[in-house]
């Protein structure tokens, strides 16, 4: 399965959803930066700060800083600029922050020193089902909501979207190959779904149009994380 134009290997992003820097670095030591990128999220970043991101980068990994910024435009822009100063590969915001917020983030990155991170927008969390959305007053359903938020994000000039693989084919049909699609909720066929509801296999996600696959526990809790990662990458080359 060939990568779409503009998409670079590796396409697997291992989610370091861990609580200690020591655990994250021990896991990173077992992985190959030629086969995966790493995602640092809210808990790990809050506990360890930017120093861990810098150490992981020194190991050769590119980092997706998954903090889903959602605040007033000026604050979000400043946060994205700080992420750029860290040298991360990708940073994200929440599309529910609106066009002004997302455009401010885009403008902040355009004036950053050094390489500009990819900027993506979260549409609907993969843990949200129909009942969750109804409780939030979003009764239109996940497909329609994702489509609407995606249009806002791309209007604001973002590079791509974080979405379920189940929405990827529809987004490709509407927007073509241009937006980068990052899909969490990826589970090999024999893995437990855990708390994710809208999931897909790695190969299935690529077939739906995903570019980058965020995979956590199937790698991080495996008895042999290196072997688990190799198996996933091999499944993408069939």
C-alpha atoms as a PDB file:
ATOM      1  CA  UNK A   1       0.000   0.000   0.000  1.00  0.00           C
ATOM      2  CA  UNK A   2       1.733   3.135  -1.226  1.00  0.00           C
ATOM      3  CA  UNK A   3       1.665   6.374   0.727  1.00  0.00           C
ATOM      4  CA  UNK A   4      -0.283   9.240  -0.782  1.00  0.00           C
ATOM      5  CA  UNK A   5       1.636  12.126  -2.332  1.00  0.00           C
ATOM      6  CA  UNK A   6       3.275  14.269   0.345  1.00  0.00           C
ATOM      7  CA  UNK A   7       2.980  11.609   3.036  1.00  0.00           C
ATOM      8  CA  UNK A   8       6.279  10.393   4.412  1.00  0.00           C
ATOM      9  CA  UNK A   9       7.268   7.156   6.080  1.00  0.00           C
ATOM     10  CA  UNK A  10       6.956   5.978   8.762  1.00  0.00           C
ATOM     11  CA  UNK A  11       3.172   6.008   8.824  1.00  0.00           C
ATOM     12  CA  UNK A  12       2.715   4.356  12.232  1.00  0.00           C
ATOM     13  CA  UNK A  13       2.604   6.694  15.245  1.00  0.00           C
ATOM     14  CA  UNK A  14       2.990   4.883  18.558  1.00  0.00           C
ATOM     15  CA  UNK A  15       0.977   6.590  21.310  1.00  0.00           C
ATOM     16  CA  UNK A  16       3.013   6.902  24.507  1.00  0.00           C
ATOM     17  CA  UNK A  17      -0.032   7.068  26.772  1.00  0.00           C
ATOM     18  CA  UNK A  18       2.116   6.500  29.852  1.00  0.00           C
ATOM     19  CA  UNK A  19       2.571   8.230  33.181  1.00  0.00           C
ATOM     20  CA  UNK A  20       6.352   8.353  33.661  1.00  0.00           C
ATOM     21  CA  UNK A  21       9.295   9.526  31.596  1.00  0.00           C
ATOM     22  CA  UNK A  22      11.232   6.396  32.551  1.00  0.00           C
ATOM     23  CA  UNK A  23       8.531   4.135  31.116  1.00  0.00           C
ATOM     24  CA  UNK A  24       8.314   6.192  27.918  1.00  0.00           C
ATOM     25  CA  UNK A  25      12.067   6.149  27.375  1.00  0.00           C
ATOM     26  CA  UNK A  26      12.330   2.436  28.167  1.00  0.00           C
ATOM     27  CA  UNK A  27       9.654   1.748  25.553  1.00  0.00           C
ATOM     28  CA  UNK A  28      11.276   4.071  23.019  1.00  0.00           C
ATOM     29  CA  UNK A  29      14.536   2.175  23.476  1.00  0.00           C
ATOM     30  CA  UNK A  30      12.771  -0.942  22.169  1.00  0.00           C
ATOM     31  CA  UNK A  31      11.357   0.754  19.067  1.00  0.00           C
ATOM     32  CA  UNK A  32      12.923   1.758  15.777  1.00  0.00           C
ATOM     33  CA  UNK A  33      12.480   5.379  14.627  1.00  0.00           C
ATOM     34  CA  UNK A  34      12.683   4.114  11.046  1.00  0.00           C
ATOM     35  CA  UNK A  35       9.431   2.211  11.634  1.00  0.00           C
ATOM     36  CA  UNK A  36       7.390   4.607  13.773  1.00  0.00           C
ATOM     37  CA  UNK A  37       6.899   8.086  15.087  1.00  0.00           C
ATOM     38  CA  UNK A  38       5.854   8.769  18.679  1.00  0.00           C
ATOM     39  CA  UNK A  39       2.836  10.585  20.099  1.00  0.00           C
ATOM     40  CA  UNK A  40       3.145  12.429  23.396  1.00  0.00           C
ATOM     41  CA  UNK A  41      -0.215  13.292  24.925  1.00  0.00           C
ATOM     42  CA  UNK A  42      -1.653  15.223  27.821  1.00  0.00           C
ATOM     43  CA  UNK A  43      -0.750  13.004  30.787  1.00  0.00           C
ATOM     44  CA  UNK A  44       2.825  12.299  29.789  1.00  0.00           C
ATOM     45  CA  UNK A  45       3.539  15.885  28.773  1.00  0.00           C
ATOM     46  CA  UNK A  46       1.955  17.282  31.932  1.00  0.00           C
ATOM     47  CA  UNK A  47       4.023  14.967  34.129  1.00  0.00           C
ATOM     48  CA  UNK A  48       7.330  15.237  32.289  1.00  0.00           C
ATOM     49  CA  UNK A  49       7.302  18.511  30.351  1.00  0.00           C
ATOM     50  CA  UNK A  50       9.169  19.408  27.175  1.00  0.00           C
ATOM     51  CA  UNK A  51      12.393  17.782  28.329  1.00  0.00           C
ATOM     52  CA  UNK A  52      11.059  14.320  27.513  1.00  0.00           C
ATOM     53  CA  UNK A  53      10.060  15.442  24.021  1.00  0.00           C
ATOM     54  CA  UNK A  54      13.600  16.682  23.468  1.00  0.00           C
ATOM     55  CA  UNK A  55      15.132  13.413  24.687  1.00  0.00           C
ATOM     56  CA  UNK A  56      12.877  11.346  22.439  1.00  0.00           C
ATOM     57  CA  UNK A  57      13.863  13.511  19.491  1.00  0.00           C
ATOM     58  CA  UNK A  58      17.519  12.945  20.353  1.00  0.00           C
ATOM     59  CA  UNK A  59      16.808   9.222  19.924  1.00  0.00           C
ATOM     60  CA  UNK A  60      15.797   9.942  16.334  1.00  0.00           C
ATOM     61  CA  UNK A  61      12.005   9.963  16.722  1.00  0.00           C
ATOM     62  CA  UNK A  62       9.704  12.571  15.233  1.00  0.00           C
ATOM     63  CA  UNK A  63       7.018  13.640  17.690  1.00  0.00           C
ATOM     64  CA  UNK A  64       3.304  14.262  17.363  1.00  0.00           C
ATOM     65  CA  UNK A  65       2.483  16.559  20.288  1.00  0.00           C
ATOM     66  CA  UNK A  66      -1.132  15.616  20.944  1.00  0.00           C
ATOM     67  CA  UNK A  67      -2.400  18.307  23.318  1.00  0.00           C
ATOM     68  CA  UNK A  68      -5.550  19.264  21.379  1.00  0.00           C
ATOM     69  CA  UNK A  69      -5.270  22.978  22.075  1.00  0.00           C
ATOM     70  CA  UNK A  70      -8.693  24.589  22.504  1.00  0.00           C
ATOM     71  CA  UNK A  71      -8.712  28.123  23.907  1.00  0.00           C
ATOM     72  CA  UNK A  72      -9.082  31.716  22.819  1.00  0.00           C
ATOM     73  CA  UNK A  73      -7.221  32.430  19.552  1.00  0.00           C
ATOM     74  CA  UNK A  74      -4.285  34.300  21.102  1.00  0.00           C
ATOM     75  CA  UNK A  75      -3.616  31.633  23.729  1.00  0.00           C
ATOM     76  CA  UNK A  76      -3.874  28.802  21.217  1.00  0.00           C
ATOM     77  CA  UNK A  77      -1.544  30.596  18.815  1.00  0.00           C
ATOM     78  CA  UNK A  78       1.051  31.079  21.559  1.00  0.00           C
ATOM     79  CA  UNK A  79       0.830  27.419  22.535  1.00  0.00           C
ATOM     80  CA  UNK A  80       1.351  26.303  18.924  1.00  0.00           C
ATOM     81  CA  UNK A  81       4.339  28.612  18.601  1.00  0.00           C
ATOM     82  CA  UNK A  82       5.828  27.052  21.746  1.00  0.00           C
ATOM     83  CA  UNK A  83       5.312  23.594  20.220  1.00  0.00           C
ATOM     84  CA  UNK A  84       7.138  24.725  17.085  1.00  0.00           C
ATOM     85  CA  UNK A  85      10.035  25.914  19.229  1.00  0.00           C
ATOM     86  CA  UNK A  86      10.274  22.343  20.561  1.00  0.00           C
ATOM     87  CA  UNK A  87      10.843  21.084  17.038  1.00  0.00           C
ATOM     88  CA  UNK A  88       7.907  18.672  16.968  1.00  0.00           C
ATOM     89  CA  UNK A  89       6.716  17.090  13.731  1.00  0.00           C
ATOM     90  CA  UNK A  90       2.985  17.638  14.326  1.00  0.00           C
ATOM     91  CA  UNK A  91       0.746  19.558  16.720  1.00  0.00           C
ATOM     92  CA  UNK A  92      -3.026  19.634  16.931  1.00  0.00           C
ATOM     93  CA  UNK A  93      -5.945  21.786  17.976  1.00  0.00           C
ATOM     94  CA  UNK A  94      -9.611  20.980  18.501  1.00  0.00           C
ATOM     95  CA  UNK A  95     -11.819  22.024  15.598  1.00  0.00           C
ATOM     96  CA  UNK A  96     -14.591  22.963  18.035  1.00  0.00           C
ATOM     97  CA  UNK A  97     -12.436  25.996  18.864  1.00  0.00           C
ATOM     98  CA  UNK A  98     -13.681  27.542  15.639  1.00  0.00           C
ATOM     99  CA  UNK A  99     -12.201  29.094  12.509  1.00  0.00           C
ATOM    100  CA  UNK A 100     -10.681  32.172  14.196  1.00  0.00           C
ATOM    101  CA  UNK A 101      -8.813  30.032  16.696  1.00  0.00           C
ATOM    102  CA  UNK A 102      -7.534  27.620  14.042  1.00  0.00           C
ATOM    103  CA  UNK A 103      -6.494  30.421  11.695  1.00  0.00           C
ATOM    104  CA  UNK A 104      -4.583  32.095  14.529  1.00  0.00           C
ATOM    105  CA  UNK A 105      -2.739  28.834  15.188  1.00  0.00           C
ATOM    106  CA  UNK A 106      -1.878  28.529  11.493  1.00  0.00           C
ATOM    107  CA  UNK A 107      -0.566  32.102  11.358  1.00  0.00           C
ATOM    108  CA  UNK A 108       1.528  31.576  14.496  1.00  0.00           C
ATOM    109  CA  UNK A 109       3.240  28.533  13.000  1.00  0.00           C
ATOM    110  CA  UNK A 110       3.881  30.331   9.718  1.00  0.00           C
ATOM    111  CA  UNK A 111       6.095  32.813  11.577  1.00  0.00           C
ATOM    112  CA  UNK A 112       7.829  30.257  13.799  1.00  0.00           C
ATOM    113  CA  UNK A 113      11.596  29.848  13.786  1.00  0.00           C
ATOM    114  CA  UNK A 114      12.882  26.668  12.171  1.00  0.00           C
ATOM    115  CA  UNK A 115      10.834  23.850  10.612  1.00  0.00           C
ATOM    116  CA  UNK A 116       7.071  24.388  10.745  1.00  0.00           C
ATOM    117  CA  UNK A 117       5.141  21.513  12.359  1.00  0.00           C
ATOM    118  CA  UNK A 118       2.162  20.023  10.610  1.00  0.00           C
ATOM    119  CA  UNK A 119      -1.037  21.431  12.116  1.00  0.00           C
ATOM    120  CA  UNK A 120      -4.042  19.137  12.359  1.00  0.00           C
ATOM    121  CA  UNK A 121      -7.490  19.496  13.875  1.00  0.00           C
ATOM    122  CA  UNK A 122      -9.352  16.963  15.985  1.00  0.00           C
ATOM    123  CA  UNK A 123     -12.898  16.565  14.734  1.00  0.00           C
ATOM    124  CA  UNK A 124     -14.824  14.070  16.899  1.00  0.00           C
ATOM    125  CA  UNK A 125     -13.047  11.960  19.497  1.00  0.00           C
ATOM    126  CA  UNK A 126     -13.012   8.255  18.623  1.00  0.00           C
ATOM    127  CA  UNK A 127     -14.415   7.467  22.088  1.00  0.00           C
ATOM    128  CA  UNK A 128     -17.613   9.403  21.324  1.00  0.00           C
ATOM    129  CA  UNK A 129     -20.649   7.444  20.211  1.00  0.00           C
ATOM    130  CA  UNK A 130     -24.125   8.728  19.233  1.00  0.00           C
ATOM    131  CA  UNK A 131     -25.346   8.947  22.842  1.00  0.00           C
ATOM    132  CA  UNK A 132     -22.301  10.999  23.869  1.00  0.00           C
ATOM    133  CA  UNK A 133     -22.910  13.488  21.083  1.00  0.00           C
ATOM    134  CA  UNK A 134     -26.603  13.803  21.941  1.00  0.00           C
ATOM    135  CA  UNK A 135     -25.706  14.620  25.547  1.00  0.00           C
ATOM    136  CA  UNK A 136     -23.547  17.457  24.208  1.00  0.00           C
ATOM    137  CA  UNK A 137     -26.389  18.814  22.084  1.00  0.00           C
ATOM    138  CA  UNK A 138     -24.769  17.575  18.871  1.00  0.00           C
ATOM    139  CA  UNK A 139     -27.627  15.510  17.535  1.00  0.00           C
ATOM    140  CA  UNK A 140     -26.555  15.598  13.887  1.00  0.00           C
ATOM    141  CA  UNK A 141     -24.451  12.452  14.335  1.00  0.00           C
ATOM    142  CA  UNK A 142     -20.723  11.871  14.067  1.00  0.00           C
ATOM    143  CA  UNK A 143     -20.529  11.684  10.249  1.00  0.00           C
ATOM    144  CA  UNK A 144     -22.221  15.040   9.676  1.00  0.00           C
ATOM    145  CA  UNK A 145     -20.362  16.669  12.569  1.00  0.00           C
ATOM    146  CA  UNK A 146     -16.977  15.433  11.358  1.00  0.00           C
ATOM    147  CA  UNK A 147     -17.738  16.701   7.851  1.00  0.00           C
ATOM    148  CA  UNK A 148     -18.738  20.149   9.131  1.00  0.00           C
ATOM    149  CA  UNK A 149     -15.731  20.520  11.432  1.00  0.00           C
ATOM    150  CA  UNK A 150     -13.393  19.277   8.697  1.00  0.00           C
ATOM    151  CA  UNK A 151     -14.608  21.993   6.324  1.00  0.00           C
ATOM    152  CA  UNK A 152     -13.977  24.643   8.988  1.00  0.00           C
ATOM    153  CA  UNK A 153     -10.469  23.352   9.689  1.00  0.00           C
ATOM    154  CA  UNK A 154      -9.464  23.275   6.050  1.00  0.00           C
ATOM    155  CA  UNK A 155     -10.982  26.714   5.489  1.00  0.00           C
ATOM    156  CA  UNK A 156      -8.668  27.923   8.260  1.00  0.00           C
ATOM    157  CA  UNK A 157      -5.661  26.588   6.347  1.00  0.00           C
ATOM    158  CA  UNK A 158      -4.782  23.558   8.460  1.00  0.00           C
ATOM    159  CA  UNK A 159      -2.716  20.715   7.016  1.00  0.00           C
ATOM    160  CA  UNK A 160      -5.128  17.978   7.935  1.00  0.00           C
ATOM    161  CA  UNK A 161      -7.475  16.290  10.341  1.00  0.00           C
ATOM    162  CA  UNK A 162      -7.507  13.827  13.196  1.00  0.00           C
ATOM    163  CA  UNK A 163     -10.494  11.574  12.646  1.00  0.00           C
ATOM    164  CA  UNK A 164     -11.719   8.026  12.921  1.00  0.00           C
ATOM    165  CA  UNK A 165     -10.699   5.755  10.056  1.00  0.00           C
ATOM    166  CA  UNK A 166     -14.424   5.182   9.580  1.00  0.00           C
ATOM    167  CA  UNK A 167     -14.772   8.800   8.411  1.00  0.00           C
ATOM    168  CA  UNK A 168     -11.630   8.845   6.266  1.00  0.00           C
ATOM    169  CA  UNK A 169     -13.239   7.639   3.030  1.00  0.00           C
ATOM    170  CA  UNK A 170     -15.943  10.303   3.199  1.00  0.00           C
ATOM    171  CA  UNK A 171     -13.361  13.026   3.869  1.00  0.00           C
ATOM    172  CA  UNK A 172     -11.299  11.799   0.922  1.00  0.00           C
ATOM    173  CA  UNK A 173     -14.362  11.874  -1.306  1.00  0.00           C
ATOM    174  CA  UNK A 174     -15.112  15.477  -0.313  1.00  0.00           C
ATOM    175  CA  UNK A 175     -11.600  16.926  -0.047  1.00  0.00           C
ATOM    176  CA  UNK A 176      -9.379  14.712  -2.215  1.00  0.00           C
ATOM    177  CA  UNK A 177      -5.793  13.801  -1.380  1.00  0.00           C
ATOM    178  CA  UNK A 178      -4.705  17.188  -0.018  1.00  0.00           C
ATOM    179  CA  UNK A 179      -5.551  16.984   3.691  1.00  0.00           C
ATOM    180  CA  UNK A 180      -3.443  14.733   5.898  1.00  0.00           C
ATOM    181  CA  UNK A 181      -5.666  12.276   7.748  1.00  0.00           C
ATOM    182  CA  UNK A 182      -4.426  11.028  11.119  1.00  0.00           C
ATOM    183  CA  UNK A 183      -6.465   8.167  12.541  1.00  0.00           C
ATOM    184  CA  UNK A 184      -6.441   7.032  16.174  1.00  0.00           C
ATOM    185  CA  UNK A 185      -8.493   4.048  17.283  1.00  0.00           C
ATOM    186  CA  UNK A 186      -6.359   1.641  15.240  1.00  0.00           C
ATOM    187  CA  UNK A 187      -6.404  -1.944  16.465  1.00  0.00           C
ATOM    188  CA  UNK A 188      -4.954  -5.081  14.848  1.00  0.00           C
ATOM    189  CA  UNK A 189      -7.636  -7.711  14.214  1.00  0.00           C
ATOM    190  CA  UNK A 190      -6.733  -9.708  17.331  1.00  0.00           C
ATOM    191  CA  UNK A 191      -6.526  -6.714  19.709  1.00  0.00           C
ATOM    192  CA  UNK A 192      -9.102  -5.598  22.301  1.00  0.00           C
ATOM    193  CA  UNK A 193     -11.005  -2.362  21.473  1.00  0.00           C
ATOM    194  CA  UNK A 194     -10.391  -0.972  25.011  1.00  0.00           C
ATOM    195  CA  UNK A 195     -12.277   2.351  25.366  1.00  0.00           C
ATOM    196  CA  UNK A 196     -12.320   3.154  21.647  1.00  0.00           C
ATOM    197  CA  UNK A 197     -15.639   2.819  19.821  1.00  0.00           C
ATOM    198  CA  UNK A 198     -14.947   3.783  16.212  1.00  0.00           C
ATOM    199  CA  UNK A 199     -11.974   1.567  15.355  1.00  0.00           C
ATOM    200  CA  UNK A 200     -10.311  -0.045  12.322  1.00  0.00           C
ATOM    201  CA  UNK A 201      -7.431  -2.390  11.567  1.00  0.00           C
ATOM    202  CA  UNK A 202      -4.166  -0.822  10.314  1.00  0.00           C
ATOM    203  CA  UNK A 203      -4.601  -2.100   6.754  1.00  0.00           C
ATOM    204  CA  UNK A 204      -8.300  -1.218   6.797  1.00  0.00           C
ATOM    205  CA  UNK A 205      -7.517   2.354   7.853  1.00  0.00           C
ATOM    206  CA  UNK A 206      -5.140   2.823   4.921  1.00  0.00           C
ATOM    207  CA  UNK A 207      -7.730   1.432   2.541  1.00  0.00           C
ATOM    208  CA  UNK A 208     -10.198   4.017   3.857  1.00  0.00           C
ATOM    209  CA  UNK A 209      -7.738   6.823   3.049  1.00  0.00           C
ATOM    210  CA  UNK A 210      -5.808   7.346   6.287  1.00  0.00           C
ATOM    211  CA  UNK A 211      -2.242   8.647   6.061  1.00  0.00           C
ATOM    212  CA  UNK A 212      -0.911   8.191   9.593  1.00  0.00           C
ATOM    213  CA  UNK A 213      -2.074   5.520  12.052  1.00  0.00           C
ATOM    214  CA  UNK A 214      -2.005   6.205  15.791  1.00  0.00           C
ATOM    215  CA  UNK A 215      -1.559   2.920  17.647  1.00  0.00           C
ATOM    216  CA  UNK A 216      -1.113   2.706  21.412  1.00  0.00           C
ATOM    217  CA  UNK A 217      -1.792  -0.289  23.608  1.00  0.00           C
ATOM    218  CA  UNK A 218      -1.387  -2.984  20.920  1.00  0.00           C
ATOM    219  CA  UNK A 219       2.292  -1.919  20.915  1.00  0.00           C
ATOM    220  CA  UNK A 220       2.900  -0.367  24.324  1.00  0.00           C
ATOM    221  CA  UNK A 221       1.381  -3.214  26.377  1.00  0.00           C
ATOM    222  CA  UNK A 222       2.663  -6.051  24.179  1.00  0.00           C
ATOM    223  CA  UNK A 223       5.037  -8.560  25.727  1.00  0.00           C
ATOM    224  CA  UNK A 224       7.458  -7.649  22.929  1.00  0.00           C
ATOM    225  CA  UNK A 225       6.709  -4.099  21.671  1.00  0.00           C
ATOM    226  CA  UNK A 226       9.344  -4.340  18.953  1.00  0.00           C
ATOM    227  CA  UNK A 227       7.829  -7.527  17.531  1.00  0.00           C
ATOM    228  CA  UNK A 228       4.327  -6.044  17.750  1.00  0.00           C
ATOM    229  CA  UNK A 229       5.437  -2.959  15.818  1.00  0.00           C
ATOM    230  CA  UNK A 230       7.184  -5.059  13.166  1.00  0.00           C
ATOM    231  CA  UNK A 231       4.027  -7.118  12.741  1.00  0.00           C
ATOM    232  CA  UNK A 232       1.877  -4.041  12.229  1.00  0.00           C
ATOM    233  CA  UNK A 233       4.301  -2.503   9.733  1.00  0.00           C
ATOM    234  CA  UNK A 234       4.512  -5.800   7.844  1.00  0.00           C
ATOM    235  CA  UNK A 235       0.702  -5.899   7.581  1.00  0.00           C
ATOM    236  CA  UNK A 236       0.778  -2.539   5.792  1.00  0.00           C
ATOM    237  CA  UNK A 237       3.120  -3.841   3.098  1.00  0.00           C
ATOM    238  CA  UNK A 238       0.907  -6.690   1.913  1.00  0.00           C
END
